[in-house]
Amino acid sequence: MVISHEPFSGSYRPEEVLFLLRRMRLNTTALEEREKLIQSGKRHYSEMIGPEDAPTRGRLRLFRESLASNGTTLARDLCTLATGLAITAVNNELTLVSIARAGTPIGVLLWHRLRQIAPHLRLQHYSISVIRDRGVDFAALRWIMNRHSPASLRFVDGWTGKGTIADELSRSIATWPEAPPGLNAGLWVPLDVCGASVFAANSRDYLIPSALLGGTLSGLVSRSILPACEVDGQAFHGCVQLDFLRRYDLSRWFIEEMRARLATIPHIEQVVNASNGAPRRLETNHCLELMLARHQLTDRNRIKLGIGETVRVLLRRLPHTVLLRSQANPTDAELIRRLAFFRNVPLHIEDDLPFDSIAVIASV
């Protein structure tokens, strides 16, 4: 059931972001049932949503530890990313389009940094849905391009894993008959572990702290949903507004905490793109093929690459195995060990992994 078609800002300030999502009511589906339906092909993951509970004290403790250890690195990477974005502004206009929902807090922080270093820009930030195998929300893109130059749009996400969202963006826009010539489908991220982005501030894997929390760090918005009967691109993709978690919401707190870090980092005029591009994509695809063969799988979606994706599997999916590179960041490695122990998931330390961590989702 649709509650509202109107853009909204969630628990952020209206000037910081507008979510171009329909607010809906949708019954939740338990984790094991979702996995069965997805793996059997009976339902697409975007047609269902799981229950989202208040973060436990344990998860909040992990989040604060991650913020303490990695917050400054993220702040530096956001500053680099903001400078790179500012350089590409077209006719003093820059329109940030973050991918809901992992990209949303990143987009809000970039909006703040850009206002600081480039106050002359006409700057807006929207958050839209991109769904694996179903593409970009074209209704949301039309809405944005009716108000802004298509050449000013820059797509932003939180990080890359194996490049699924970057590939979906590229494919969707390349095959969209309405796509204007100036619309660039490249993805901008603070961290790119697989070479899928058009610009990244960093390629050395670390845990983006916001990966540990869901809607309570992303504006009280669920991940995007798209019923099977609504894939024609005529209406915004959907979401559930998580108002029942308002007392646990850290979205604004996280923004202010990170803004304090951003304010201490001086602006520099030139930056270096850290994305390793095509060579790293080849390494990524080779790794996926090896992992599929090793675990006797055919579905690439059951292999998750990198620390952020591994943590999300340990928190929200049914993990089968976790592989951890012996040279991984010690703080992040310890967090993954603790999560794997808590979920009773086998963890193997290996020396020659091409990623700091890899998660395999269990069969059901």
Protein backbone atom coordinates (compact mmCIF):
# COMPACT_ATOMS: atom_id res chain seq x y z
CA MET A 1 0.00 0.00 0.00
CA VAL A 2 1.36 3.43 -1.00
CA ILE A 3 1.24 6.08 1.74
CA SER A 4 2.80 8.99 -0.17
CA HIS A 5 4.29 9.72 -3.59
CA GLU A 6 5.89 12.98 -2.43
CA PRO A 7 9.67 13.43 -2.03
CA PHE A 8 10.71 13.59 1.63
CA SER A 9 13.85 14.04 3.72
CA GLY A 10 13.47 11.22 6.26
CA SER A 11 15.19 12.26 9.49
CA TYR A 12 17.63 14.54 7.65
CA ARG A 13 17.08 18.26 7.12
CA PRO A 14 15.16 19.01 3.89
CA GLU A 15 18.06 21.01 2.46
CA GLU A 16 20.46 18.07 2.96
CA VAL A 17 18.63 15.48 0.84
CA LEU A 18 15.34 14.59 -0.80
CA PHE A 19 14.47 10.91 -1.08
CA LEU A 20 12.71 10.26 -4.39
CA LEU A 21 10.95 7.16 -3.10
CA ARG A 22 7.31 6.28 -2.51
CA ARG A 23 6.57 5.61 1.12
CA MET A 24 4.74 2.29 1.36
CA ARG A 25 3.43 -0.28 3.81
CA LEU A 26 4.75 -3.79 3.27
CA ASN A 27 4.55 -6.86 5.47
CA THR A 28 7.95 -8.14 6.52
CA THR A 29 9.32 -11.56 5.56
CA ALA A 30 11.56 -13.56 7.90
CA LEU A 31 15.21 -14.00 6.91
CA GLU A 32 15.17 -17.74 6.16
CA GLU A 33 11.96 -17.45 4.15
CA ARG A 34 13.42 -14.57 2.12
CA GLU A 35 16.57 -16.56 1.37
CA LYS A 36 14.50 -19.56 0.24
CA LEU A 37 12.35 -17.45 -2.06
CA ILE A 38 15.33 -15.59 -3.52
CA GLN A 39 17.50 -18.68 -4.08
CA SER A 40 14.60 -20.62 -5.60
CA GLY A 41 13.90 -17.79 -8.02
CA LYS A 42 10.29 -17.49 -6.83
CA ARG A 43 10.71 -13.90 -5.67
CA HIS A 44 13.14 -11.09 -6.40
CA TYR A 45 14.83 -9.69 -3.31
CA SER A 46 13.38 -6.23 -3.98
CA GLU A 47 9.81 -7.54 -3.64
CA MET A 48 10.31 -8.35 0.06
CA ILE A 49 11.68 -6.65 3.12
CA GLY A 50 12.86 -8.08 6.40
CA PRO A 51 12.03 -6.86 9.89
CA GLU A 52 14.36 -4.07 11.01
CA ASP A 53 14.84 -3.89 14.74
CA ALA A 54 16.54 -1.37 17.00
CA PRO A 55 20.32 -1.81 17.01
CA THR A 56 21.55 -3.88 19.94
CA ARG A 57 24.06 -2.55 22.44
CA GLY A 58 26.60 -4.90 20.91
CA ARG A 59 26.12 -3.55 17.42
CA LEU A 60 26.24 0.04 18.68
CA ARG A 61 29.50 -0.75 20.44
CA LEU A 62 30.94 -2.13 17.19
CA PHE A 63 29.74 0.96 15.33
CA ARG A 64 31.42 3.32 17.78
CA GLU A 65 34.64 1.30 17.67
CA SER A 66 34.61 1.42 13.88
CA LEU A 67 33.95 5.15 13.90
CA ALA A 68 36.83 5.70 16.32
CA SER A 69 39.24 3.66 14.20
CA ASN A 70 38.08 4.56 10.67
CA GLY A 71 36.22 7.86 10.99
CA THR A 72 39.25 10.01 10.18
CA THR A 73 40.09 7.89 7.13
CA LEU A 74 36.51 8.24 5.90
CA ALA A 75 36.63 12.00 6.48
CA ARG A 76 39.80 12.33 4.41
CA ASP A 77 38.30 10.23 1.64
CA LEU A 78 35.12 12.32 1.63
CA CYS A 79 37.20 15.48 1.31
CA THR A 80 39.08 13.98 -1.64
CA LEU A 81 35.82 12.88 -3.25
CA ALA A 82 34.21 16.29 -2.75
CA THR A 83 37.15 18.04 -4.41
CA GLY A 84 37.00 15.65 -7.34
CA LEU A 85 33.28 16.30 -7.71
CA ALA A 86 33.66 20.07 -7.50
CA ILE A 87 36.19 20.04 -10.34
CA THR A 88 33.62 18.41 -12.64
CA ALA A 89 30.77 20.87 -12.00
CA VAL A 90 29.04 22.00 -15.19
CA ASN A 91 28.17 25.70 -15.44
CA ASN A 92 28.52 25.99 -11.65
CA GLU A 93 25.87 23.30 -11.12
CA LEU A 94 26.37 19.99 -9.33
CA THR A 95 23.55 17.56 -8.56
CA LEU A 96 24.43 14.71 -6.21
CA VAL A 97 22.35 11.57 -6.75
CA SER A 98 23.09 9.09 -3.98
CA ILE A 99 22.05 5.45 -4.10
CA ALA A 100 19.58 4.69 -1.32
CA ARG A 101 20.41 3.75 1.20
CA ALA A 102 24.14 3.12 1.77
CA GLY A 103 24.96 6.12 -0.41
CA THR A 104 22.64 8.53 1.42
CA PRO A 105 24.79 9.48 4.46
CA ILE A 106 27.79 9.75 2.13
CA GLY A 107 25.82 12.10 -0.12
CA VAL A 108 24.74 14.24 2.83
CA LEU A 109 28.34 14.57 4.03
CA LEU A 110 29.54 15.42 0.52
CA TRP A 111 26.82 18.09 0.32
CA HIS A 112 28.15 19.68 3.51
CA ARG A 113 31.79 19.54 2.37
CA LEU A 114 30.95 20.98 -1.04
CA ARG A 115 29.07 23.88 0.54
CA GLN A 116 32.24 24.54 2.54
CA ILE A 117 34.79 24.38 -0.30
CA ALA A 118 32.66 25.49 -3.26
CA PRO A 119 29.93 27.85 -1.97
CA HIS A 120 29.43 29.25 -5.48
CA LEU A 121 27.96 25.99 -6.77
CA ARG A 122 24.25 25.46 -7.32
CA LEU A 123 24.15 22.28 -5.29
CA GLN A 124 21.36 19.77 -4.67
CA HIS A 125 21.30 16.23 -3.28
CA TYR A 126 18.72 13.56 -4.07
CA SER A 127 18.64 9.90 -3.06
CA ILE A 128 17.16 7.36 -5.47
CA SER A 129 16.87 3.61 -5.85
CA VAL A 130 19.01 1.32 -7.99
CA ILE A 131 18.04 -2.35 -7.77
CA ARG A 132 20.14 -5.26 -8.98
CA ASP A 133 18.67 -6.86 -12.13
CA ARG A 134 15.86 -4.27 -12.22
CA GLY A 135 17.85 -1.15 -12.84
CA VAL A 136 17.74 2.53 -12.03
CA ASP A 137 14.57 4.30 -10.93
CA PHE A 138 13.83 6.08 -14.22
CA ALA A 139 10.88 7.96 -12.74
CA ALA A 140 13.23 9.52 -10.19
CA LEU A 141 15.76 10.37 -12.90
CA ARG A 142 13.07 12.07 -14.98
CA TRP A 143 12.02 14.08 -11.92
CA ILE A 144 15.60 15.25 -11.35
CA MET A 145 16.35 16.04 -15.00
CA ASN A 146 13.20 18.15 -15.26
CA ARG A 147 14.82 20.42 -12.68
CA HIS A 148 18.56 20.15 -13.34
CA SER A 149 20.92 19.82 -16.24
CA PRO A 150 21.54 16.09 -16.90
CA ALA A 151 25.24 16.87 -17.30
CA SER A 152 25.35 18.05 -13.66
CA LEU A 153 24.28 14.68 -12.20
CA ARG A 154 26.86 12.66 -10.26
CA PHE A 155 25.92 9.24 -8.86
CA VAL A 156 27.29 8.55 -5.36
CA ASP A 157 27.41 5.39 -3.27
CA GLY A 158 28.98 4.30 0.00
CA TRP A 159 31.56 1.84 -1.39
CA THR A 160 31.90 -0.92 -3.97
CA GLY A 161 31.90 -4.67 -3.39
CA LYS A 162 32.06 -6.52 -6.69
CA GLY A 163 30.64 -3.61 -8.70
CA THR A 164 27.01 -4.71 -8.97
CA ILE A 165 25.49 -1.25 -8.53
CA ALA A 166 28.04 0.37 -10.83
CA ASP A 167 27.25 -2.23 -13.50
CA GLU A 168 23.49 -1.78 -13.02
CA LEU A 169 23.82 1.99 -13.41
CA SER A 170 25.87 1.65 -16.57
CA ARG A 171 23.62 -0.98 -18.15
CA SER A 172 20.37 0.76 -17.27
CA ILE A 173 21.35 4.15 -18.59
CA ALA A 174 23.07 2.75 -21.68
CA THR A 175 19.83 0.98 -22.68
CA TRP A 176 17.41 3.75 -21.64
CA PRO A 177 15.91 5.36 -24.75
CA GLU A 178 15.29 8.62 -22.87
CA ALA A 179 18.85 9.02 -21.64
CA PRO A 180 20.23 12.42 -22.74
CA PRO A 181 23.76 12.56 -24.20
CA GLY A 182 25.14 14.50 -21.23
CA LEU A 183 24.06 12.01 -18.54
CA ASN A 184 27.12 10.25 -17.08
CA ALA A 185 26.44 6.86 -15.46
CA GLY A 186 29.78 6.71 -13.61
CA LEU A 187 29.75 5.98 -9.88
CA TRP A 188 31.63 8.15 -7.35
CA VAL A 189 32.62 6.51 -4.06
CA PRO A 190 34.97 7.11 -1.13
CA LEU A 191 36.15 3.49 -1.35
CA ASP A 192 36.41 1.27 -4.43
CA VAL A 193 37.83 -2.21 -3.81
CA CYS A 194 36.98 -3.67 -7.22
CA GLY A 195 37.77 -0.95 -9.77
CA ALA A 196 34.13 -0.34 -10.71
CA SER A 197 33.89 3.39 -10.05
CA VAL A 198 34.62 6.31 -12.32
CA PHE A 199 36.27 8.04 -9.34
CA ALA A 200 37.27 6.79 -5.90
CA ALA A 201 39.16 8.45 -3.08
CA ASN A 202 40.62 5.18 -1.82
CA SER A 203 41.05 1.58 -2.93
CA ARG A 204 42.56 0.16 0.26
CA ASP A 205 39.76 -1.70 1.99
CA TYR A 206 38.43 -0.58 5.35
CA LEU A 207 35.05 -0.66 7.05
CA ILE A 208 32.87 2.37 6.34
CA PRO A 209 31.28 2.76 9.81
CA SER A 210 27.77 3.34 8.46
CA ALA A 211 27.79 -0.23 7.09
CA LEU A 212 27.14 -1.48 10.63
CA LEU A 213 23.75 0.21 10.97
CA GLY A 214 20.78 0.29 8.60
CA GLY A 215 17.89 2.69 8.67
CA THR A 216 18.95 4.22 11.99
CA LEU A 217 21.95 5.73 10.21
CA SER A 218 20.29 6.40 6.84
CA GLY A 219 17.42 8.74 7.62
CA LEU A 220 14.98 6.12 8.97
CA VAL A 221 14.42 4.73 5.48
CA SER A 222 14.38 1.05 4.56
CA ARG A 223 16.24 -0.34 1.60
CA SER A 224 14.31 0.23 -1.61
CA ILE A 225 11.52 -2.11 -2.72
CA LEU A 226 9.85 -2.72 -6.06
CA PRO A 227 6.79 -4.96 -6.40
CA ALA A 228 6.87 -7.22 -9.46
CA CYS A 229 3.91 -5.43 -11.03
CA GLU A 230 5.67 -2.05 -10.95
CA VAL A 231 8.82 -2.52 -13.01
CA ASP A 232 7.71 -0.28 -15.88
CA GLY A 233 9.56 2.79 -14.60
CA GLN A 234 6.47 5.00 -14.39
CA ALA A 235 6.54 5.56 -10.61
CA PHE A 236 9.24 5.97 -7.97
CA HIS A 237 10.59 2.82 -6.41
CA GLY A 238 9.31 2.29 -2.88
CA CYS A 239 10.55 2.19 0.69
CA VAL A 240 9.21 1.83 4.21
CA GLN A 241 9.64 4.76 6.55
CA LEU A 242 10.97 3.43 9.85
CA ASP A 243 9.35 5.90 12.22
CA PHE A 244 9.05 3.26 14.94
CA LEU A 245 12.87 3.40 15.26
CA ARG A 246 12.99 7.18 15.73
CA ARG A 247 14.21 7.01 19.33
CA TYR A 248 17.25 5.01 18.13
CA ASP A 249 18.02 7.21 15.13
CA LEU A 250 21.68 8.27 14.79
CA SER A 251 21.46 9.74 11.29
CA ARG A 252 21.82 13.38 12.34
CA TRP A 253 24.32 12.52 15.08
CA PHE A 254 26.56 10.73 12.57
CA ILE A 255 26.46 13.67 10.16
CA GLU A 256 27.46 16.14 12.89
CA GLU A 257 30.15 13.81 14.21
CA MET A 258 31.67 13.45 10.73
CA ARG A 259 31.28 17.16 9.93
CA ALA A 260 33.52 17.91 12.89
CA ARG A 261 36.18 15.70 11.34
CA LEU A 262 35.70 17.21 7.88
CA ALA A 263 36.19 20.70 9.30
CA THR A 264 39.73 19.84 10.44
CA ILE A 265 40.90 18.76 6.97
CA PRO A 266 42.28 21.55 4.77
CA HIS A 267 41.03 21.90 1.21
CA ILE A 268 43.39 20.96 -1.61
CA GLU A 269 42.83 21.92 -5.24
CA GLN A 270 43.94 18.72 -6.97
CA VAL A 271 43.25 15.09 -6.14
CA VAL A 272 44.21 11.68 -7.51
CA ASN A 273 41.67 9.09 -8.63
CA ALA A 274 42.36 5.92 -6.60
CA SER A 275 40.13 3.60 -8.64
CA ASN A 276 42.22 0.90 -10.26
CA GLY A 277 39.73 0.54 -13.10
CA ALA A 278 39.79 -2.23 -15.68
CA PRO A 279 42.78 -4.22 -14.32
CA ARG A 280 41.11 -4.50 -10.93
CA ARG A 281 37.79 -5.48 -12.52
CA LEU A 282 39.59 -8.36 -14.24
CA GLU A 283 41.06 -9.45 -10.88
CA THR A 284 37.60 -9.21 -9.32
CA ASN A 285 35.95 -11.35 -11.96
CA HIS A 286 38.74 -13.91 -11.73
CA CYS A 287 38.29 -14.06 -7.95
CA LEU A 288 34.54 -14.56 -8.34
CA GLU A 289 35.05 -17.44 -10.76
CA LEU A 290 37.50 -19.10 -8.36
CA MET A 291 35.12 -18.67 -5.42
CA LEU A 292 32.17 -20.07 -7.37
CA ALA A 293 34.19 -23.13 -8.35
CA ARG A 294 35.63 -23.58 -4.86
CA HIS A 295 32.20 -23.53 -3.21
CA GLN A 296 30.39 -25.30 -6.08
CA LEU A 297 28.06 -22.39 -6.76
CA THR A 298 26.64 -20.82 -9.92
CA ASP A 299 25.03 -17.69 -8.43
CA ARG A 300 27.50 -14.80 -8.21
CA ASN A 301 25.16 -13.00 -5.83
CA ARG A 302 26.04 -15.48 -3.10
CA ILE A 303 29.67 -14.31 -3.09
CA LYS A 304 30.31 -10.95 -1.39
CA LEU A 305 33.67 -9.22 -1.68
CA GLY A 306 35.32 -6.77 0.68
CA ILE A 307 35.02 -5.83 4.34
CA GLY A 308 31.83 -3.77 4.05
CA GLU A 309 29.93 -6.48 2.18
CA THR A 310 31.21 -9.19 4.53
CA VAL A 311 29.98 -7.25 7.55
CA ARG A 312 26.56 -6.76 5.96
CA VAL A 313 26.27 -10.51 5.28
CA LEU A 314 27.21 -11.29 8.89
CA LEU A 315 24.61 -8.84 10.15
CA ARG A 316 21.69 -9.34 7.74
CA ARG A 317 22.00 -12.53 5.71
CA LEU A 318 22.60 -16.26 6.28
CA PRO A 319 26.38 -16.62 6.01
CA HIS A 320 27.98 -19.96 5.19
CA THR A 321 31.69 -19.12 5.37
CA VAL A 322 33.92 -16.07 5.78
CA LEU A 323 37.44 -15.83 4.41
CA LEU A 324 39.78 -13.25 5.93
CA ARG A 325 43.08 -12.13 4.44
CA SER A 326 45.90 -12.38 6.97
CA GLN A 327 47.10 -8.86 6.05
CA ALA A 328 43.67 -7.23 6.58
CA ASN A 329 43.36 -4.13 8.73
CA PRO A 330 43.70 -5.52 12.30
CA THR A 331 40.80 -3.48 13.72
CA ASP A 332 38.39 -4.49 10.97
CA ALA A 333 39.64 -8.08 11.04
CA GLU A 334 38.90 -8.32 14.77
CA LEU A 335 35.39 -6.96 14.23
CA ILE A 336 34.74 -9.59 11.54
CA ARG A 337 36.06 -12.32 13.85
CA ARG A 338 33.67 -11.21 16.59
CA LEU A 339 30.69 -11.11 14.25
CA ALA A 340 31.52 -14.52 12.80
CA PHE A 341 31.87 -15.97 16.31
CA PHE A 342 28.53 -14.46 17.34
CA ARG A 343 26.80 -15.95 14.26
CA ASN A 344 28.69 -19.27 14.61
CA VAL A 345 30.08 -18.92 11.09
CA PRO A 346 33.31 -20.72 10.08
CA LEU A 347 36.12 -18.23 9.45
CA HIS A 348 39.29 -19.10 7.56
CA ILE A 349 42.46 -17.00 7.50
CA GLU A 350 44.26 -17.06 4.14
CA ASP A 351 47.41 -15.30 2.90
CA ASP A 352 46.80 -14.88 -0.81
CA LEU A 353 43.23 -13.55 -1.06
CA PRO A 354 42.78 -10.69 -3.55
CA PHE A 355 40.29 -9.06 -1.12
CA ASP A 356 40.66 -8.44 2.60
CA SER A 357 37.53 -10.49 3.23
CA ILE A 358 35.01 -12.60 1.33
CA ALA A 359 31.65 -13.88 2.53
CA VAL A 360 29.72 -16.82 1.10
CA ILE A 361 25.94 -16.92 1.64
CA ALA A 362 24.52 -20.25 2.77
CA SER A 363 22.19 -22.45 0.75
CA VAL A 364 18.67 -22.88 2.11
